[in-house]
Protein backbone atom coordinates (compact mmCIF):
# COMPACT_ATOMS: atom_id res chain seq x y z
CA MET A 1 -62.31 -44.16 -8.38
CA LYS A 2 -60.69 -40.92 -7.79
CA HIS A 3 -62.11 -37.65 -9.55
CA ILE A 4 -59.36 -35.84 -11.35
CA ASP A 5 -59.54 -32.51 -13.28
CA LEU A 6 -55.85 -32.02 -14.06
CA MET A 7 -53.55 -34.88 -15.26
CA ILE A 8 -49.77 -34.25 -15.58
CA PHE A 9 -47.84 -36.78 -17.48
CA ASP A 10 -44.18 -37.36 -17.78
CA LEU A 11 -42.77 -38.18 -21.25
CA ASP A 12 -39.86 -40.66 -21.46
CA GLY A 13 -40.93 -44.22 -20.11
CA THR A 14 -44.44 -42.90 -19.39
CA LEU A 15 -45.86 -41.92 -22.69
CA VAL A 16 -43.03 -42.93 -25.08
CA ASN A 17 -40.62 -45.82 -25.17
CA SER A 18 -37.57 -43.74 -25.92
CA GLY A 19 -34.88 -45.57 -24.08
CA GLY A 20 -33.37 -47.27 -27.12
CA ASP A 21 -32.61 -44.01 -29.01
CA ILE A 22 -31.33 -42.40 -25.77
CA VAL A 23 -28.99 -45.33 -25.16
CA ALA A 24 -27.94 -45.37 -28.79
CA SER A 25 -27.26 -41.48 -28.78
CA VAL A 26 -25.17 -41.58 -25.53
CA ASN A 27 -22.94 -44.42 -26.61
CA TYR A 28 -22.40 -42.72 -29.98
CA THR A 29 -21.42 -39.59 -28.20
CA LEU A 30 -18.94 -41.58 -25.99
CA GLU A 31 -17.49 -43.61 -28.78
CA THR A 32 -16.98 -40.50 -30.85
CA LEU A 33 -14.88 -38.94 -27.80
CA ALA A 34 -13.05 -42.39 -27.33
CA VAL A 35 -14.78 -42.71 -23.97
CA PRO A 36 -15.78 -46.32 -22.96
CA VAL A 37 -19.35 -47.06 -24.02
CA LYS A 38 -21.84 -48.18 -21.22
CA LYS A 39 -24.42 -50.80 -20.84
CA PRO A 40 -28.11 -49.74 -21.71
CA LYS A 41 -29.33 -50.32 -18.22
CA GLU A 42 -26.63 -47.97 -16.71
CA ILE A 43 -27.45 -45.31 -19.17
CA LEU A 44 -31.12 -45.46 -18.60
CA SER A 45 -30.41 -45.01 -14.80
CA PHE A 46 -28.93 -41.77 -15.80
CA VAL A 47 -32.20 -40.35 -17.32
CA GLY A 48 -34.60 -38.15 -15.46
CA ASP A 49 -32.72 -34.98 -14.39
CA GLY A 50 -32.30 -33.65 -17.90
CA VAL A 51 -29.87 -33.94 -20.54
CA ASN A 52 -26.93 -32.12 -18.78
CA LYS A 53 -27.07 -34.36 -15.80
CA MET A 54 -27.32 -37.32 -18.14
CA ILE A 55 -24.27 -36.49 -20.01
CA GLU A 56 -22.39 -35.64 -16.82
CA ARG A 57 -23.02 -39.13 -15.46
CA ALA A 58 -22.44 -40.83 -18.72
CA LEU A 59 -18.87 -39.17 -18.82
CA GLY A 60 -18.04 -39.98 -15.21
CA ASN A 61 -15.53 -38.00 -13.17
CA GLU A 62 -12.56 -38.83 -15.57
CA PHE A 63 -13.93 -37.35 -18.56
CA GLN A 64 -15.82 -34.15 -17.33
CA HIS A 65 -13.46 -32.00 -19.30
CA LEU A 66 -15.29 -33.33 -22.56
CA PHE A 67 -18.66 -32.11 -21.38
CA ASP A 68 -19.29 -29.29 -23.81
CA GLU A 69 -18.07 -31.40 -26.67
CA ALA A 70 -20.15 -34.29 -25.59
CA MET A 71 -23.39 -32.08 -25.33
CA ASP A 72 -22.83 -30.81 -28.91
CA ILE A 73 -22.33 -34.38 -30.34
CA PHE A 74 -25.24 -35.77 -28.32
CA SER A 75 -27.67 -32.98 -29.27
CA ASP A 76 -26.83 -33.14 -33.02
CA TYR A 77 -27.00 -37.01 -33.06
CA TYR A 78 -30.18 -37.24 -31.03
CA ALA A 79 -31.86 -34.79 -33.05
CA ARG A 80 -31.41 -36.85 -36.21
CA HIS A 81 -32.01 -40.15 -34.57
CA MET A 82 -34.50 -39.50 -31.79
CA LEU A 83 -37.26 -41.47 -33.59
CA ASP A 84 -35.34 -44.30 -34.97
CA MET A 85 -36.84 -46.83 -32.42
CA THR A 86 -39.04 -44.60 -30.12
CA SER A 87 -42.65 -45.44 -30.13
CA LEU A 88 -45.79 -44.72 -27.94
CA CYS A 89 -46.13 -46.81 -24.90
CA ASP A 90 -48.98 -49.35 -24.74
CA SER A 91 -52.43 -47.90 -24.63
CA VAL A 92 -51.30 -44.22 -24.82
CA ILE A 93 -54.00 -43.14 -27.47
CA GLU A 94 -56.74 -45.23 -25.65
CA VAL A 95 -55.94 -43.59 -22.47
CA LEU A 96 -55.70 -39.99 -23.84
CA ASP A 97 -58.92 -40.43 -25.62
CA HIS A 98 -60.72 -41.67 -22.60
CA PHE A 99 -59.60 -38.81 -20.63
CA ARG A 100 -60.26 -36.33 -23.49
CA ASP A 101 -62.38 -34.00 -21.23
CA LYS A 102 -59.57 -33.72 -18.70
CA LYS A 103 -57.04 -31.07 -18.72
CA LYS A 104 -53.71 -32.77 -19.55
CA VAL A 105 -50.23 -31.36 -19.53
CA ILE A 106 -46.79 -32.93 -20.19
CA ILE A 107 -43.94 -31.87 -17.79
CA THR A 108 -40.70 -33.36 -18.66
CA ASN A 109 -37.01 -32.63 -18.02
CA LYS A 110 -36.31 -33.27 -21.69
CA ARG A 111 -35.68 -30.00 -23.69
CA ARG A 112 -39.00 -28.59 -25.20
CA TYR A 113 -37.73 -28.65 -28.72
CA PHE A 114 -36.99 -32.42 -28.62
CA THR A 115 -40.28 -33.10 -26.71
CA LEU A 116 -42.46 -31.29 -29.28
CA LYS A 117 -40.52 -32.91 -32.26
CA MET A 118 -41.39 -36.34 -30.48
CA THR A 119 -45.02 -35.72 -29.55
CA ASP A 120 -45.71 -34.27 -33.08
CA ALA A 121 -44.12 -37.27 -34.82
CA LEU A 122 -46.17 -39.65 -32.65
CA GLY A 123 -49.37 -37.67 -33.11
CA ILE A 124 -50.15 -36.90 -29.39
CA THR A 125 -49.44 -33.14 -29.14
CA LYS A 126 -53.20 -32.24 -29.64
CA TYR A 127 -54.13 -33.95 -26.46
CA PHE A 128 -52.24 -31.59 -24.16
CA GLU A 129 -53.14 -28.00 -22.97
CA GLU A 130 -49.41 -27.32 -22.56
CA ILE A 131 -46.07 -29.13 -23.00
CA ILE A 132 -43.43 -27.91 -20.43
CA GLY A 133 -39.82 -28.98 -21.05
CA ALA A 134 -36.65 -28.55 -19.11
CA ASP A 135 -35.94 -25.21 -20.78
CA SER A 136 -39.62 -23.74 -20.61
CA THR A 137 -39.11 -22.14 -17.20
CA ALA A 138 -36.24 -21.49 -14.83
CA TYR A 139 -37.15 -24.67 -12.73
CA LYS A 140 -37.27 -28.41 -13.40
CA LYS A 141 -38.78 -31.37 -11.75
CA PRO A 142 -39.06 -31.76 -8.88
CA ASP A 143 -39.12 -28.11 -7.87
CA PRO A 144 -42.72 -27.05 -7.03
CA ARG A 145 -42.11 -23.66 -8.58
CA LEU A 146 -42.34 -25.15 -11.91
CA PHE A 147 -45.87 -26.61 -11.21
CA ILE A 148 -47.55 -24.17 -8.89
CA PRO A 149 -48.02 -21.40 -11.55
CA LEU A 150 -49.51 -24.00 -13.81
CA ILE A 151 -52.06 -25.12 -11.37
CA GLU A 152 -53.13 -21.54 -10.60
CA ARG A 153 -53.17 -20.67 -14.54
CA VAL A 154 -55.58 -23.55 -15.24
CA GLY A 155 -57.62 -23.04 -12.09
CA ALA A 156 -57.00 -26.64 -10.89
CA VAL A 157 -57.75 -28.04 -7.28
CA TYR A 158 -54.79 -29.48 -5.74
CA ASN A 159 -56.70 -32.72 -4.51
CA ASP A 160 -58.00 -33.11 -8.02
CA THR A 161 -54.61 -33.02 -9.78
CA VAL A 162 -52.38 -35.93 -10.34
CA VAL A 163 -48.76 -36.43 -11.57
CA ILE A 164 -48.43 -39.63 -13.55
CA GLY A 165 -44.85 -40.73 -14.33
CA ASP A 166 -42.18 -43.52 -13.98
CA GLY A 167 -39.50 -41.41 -12.31
CA VAL A 168 -38.46 -40.37 -8.87
CA ASN A 169 -38.87 -36.73 -9.95
CA ASP A 170 -42.40 -37.28 -10.97
CA ILE A 171 -43.45 -38.63 -7.49
CA MET A 172 -41.26 -35.88 -5.81
CA LEU A 173 -42.90 -33.13 -7.90
CA ALA A 174 -46.33 -34.25 -6.71
CA LYS A 175 -45.30 -34.53 -3.00
CA ASN A 176 -43.42 -31.19 -3.11
CA THR A 177 -46.40 -29.56 -4.68
CA GLY A 178 -49.28 -31.04 -2.52
CA VAL A 179 -50.99 -32.84 -5.47
CA LEU A 180 -51.49 -36.64 -6.02
CA SER A 181 -49.02 -38.80 -7.42
CA CYS A 182 -49.20 -42.05 -9.53
CA ALA A 183 -46.24 -44.12 -10.11
CA LEU A 184 -46.02 -46.02 -13.45
CA LEU A 185 -44.16 -49.21 -12.54
CA ASN A 186 -43.37 -50.47 -15.93
CA GLY A 187 -41.13 -47.59 -17.07
CA LEU A 188 -37.48 -46.55 -16.74
CA THR A 189 -37.25 -46.60 -12.93
CA HIS A 190 -37.16 -49.77 -10.83
CA ARG A 191 -40.52 -50.30 -9.37
CA ASP A 192 -39.06 -50.75 -5.77
CA ILE A 193 -37.51 -47.35 -5.96
CA LEU A 194 -40.88 -45.80 -6.87
CA LEU A 195 -42.84 -47.83 -4.23
CA ALA A 196 -40.41 -46.80 -1.50
CA LEU A 197 -41.55 -43.03 -2.14
CA ASP A 198 -45.07 -44.13 -1.20
CA PRO A 199 -47.05 -42.70 -4.07
CA ASP A 200 -50.69 -42.20 -3.67
CA PHE A 201 -51.47 -44.53 -6.53
CA ALA A 202 -49.28 -47.06 -8.49
CA CYS A 203 -50.14 -48.97 -11.85
CA GLU A 204 -48.41 -51.54 -13.91
CA GLY A 205 -49.36 -49.73 -17.21
CA LEU A 206 -51.05 -46.82 -18.41
CA ARG A 207 -54.32 -48.64 -19.18
CA GLU A 208 -54.90 -49.12 -15.44
CA LEU A 209 -55.56 -45.34 -15.15
CA LEU A 210 -59.07 -45.96 -16.69
CA LYS A 211 -59.90 -47.88 -13.49
CA ILE A 212 -58.22 -45.55 -10.90
CA PHE A 213 -59.46 -42.05 -12.04
CA ASP A 214 -62.68 -40.49 -13.42
């Protein structure tokens, strides 16, 4: 087992099953604008680089002129419906309780307001030292400038720090920063894409973290 002092968690697809509400909110936005709706799998492939990029991708080249209106519609609808179907991923509470003595932080490309609303509603905010959203700093995953000040602030050792997530940006954040990476293979990103990035660790579900880290 690898000793860890600081654990960085992604949110969507890692700690919370939020895909259903994201899909519904994007398709509501497209439908409202008379833009053809998209299949859930395609919409989920747009997730990971923040809401702006997600809406850009959902609109496609043909409808970029509707971007500002789409952002307003999505933000309003998602704020009201983001918890309709969203739930904690399997074993989240068990894992967070097990690692209660470790420093834990959420770093997500979701806006911080939505992140806190979600973690508050699902009862997990208390487990984290900090929650860093896309609008918390000038940088987003996988930019190491987002992460390095945090490591220095909490006095963490690089080799005893791990980023755990189901997205390309999570693995690349770790690699760009020089800390350990752990790919969660049952999230929103296809496992082959994550494994091709050669993460330091990989697990099928969060509960496996109990056997990997101490």
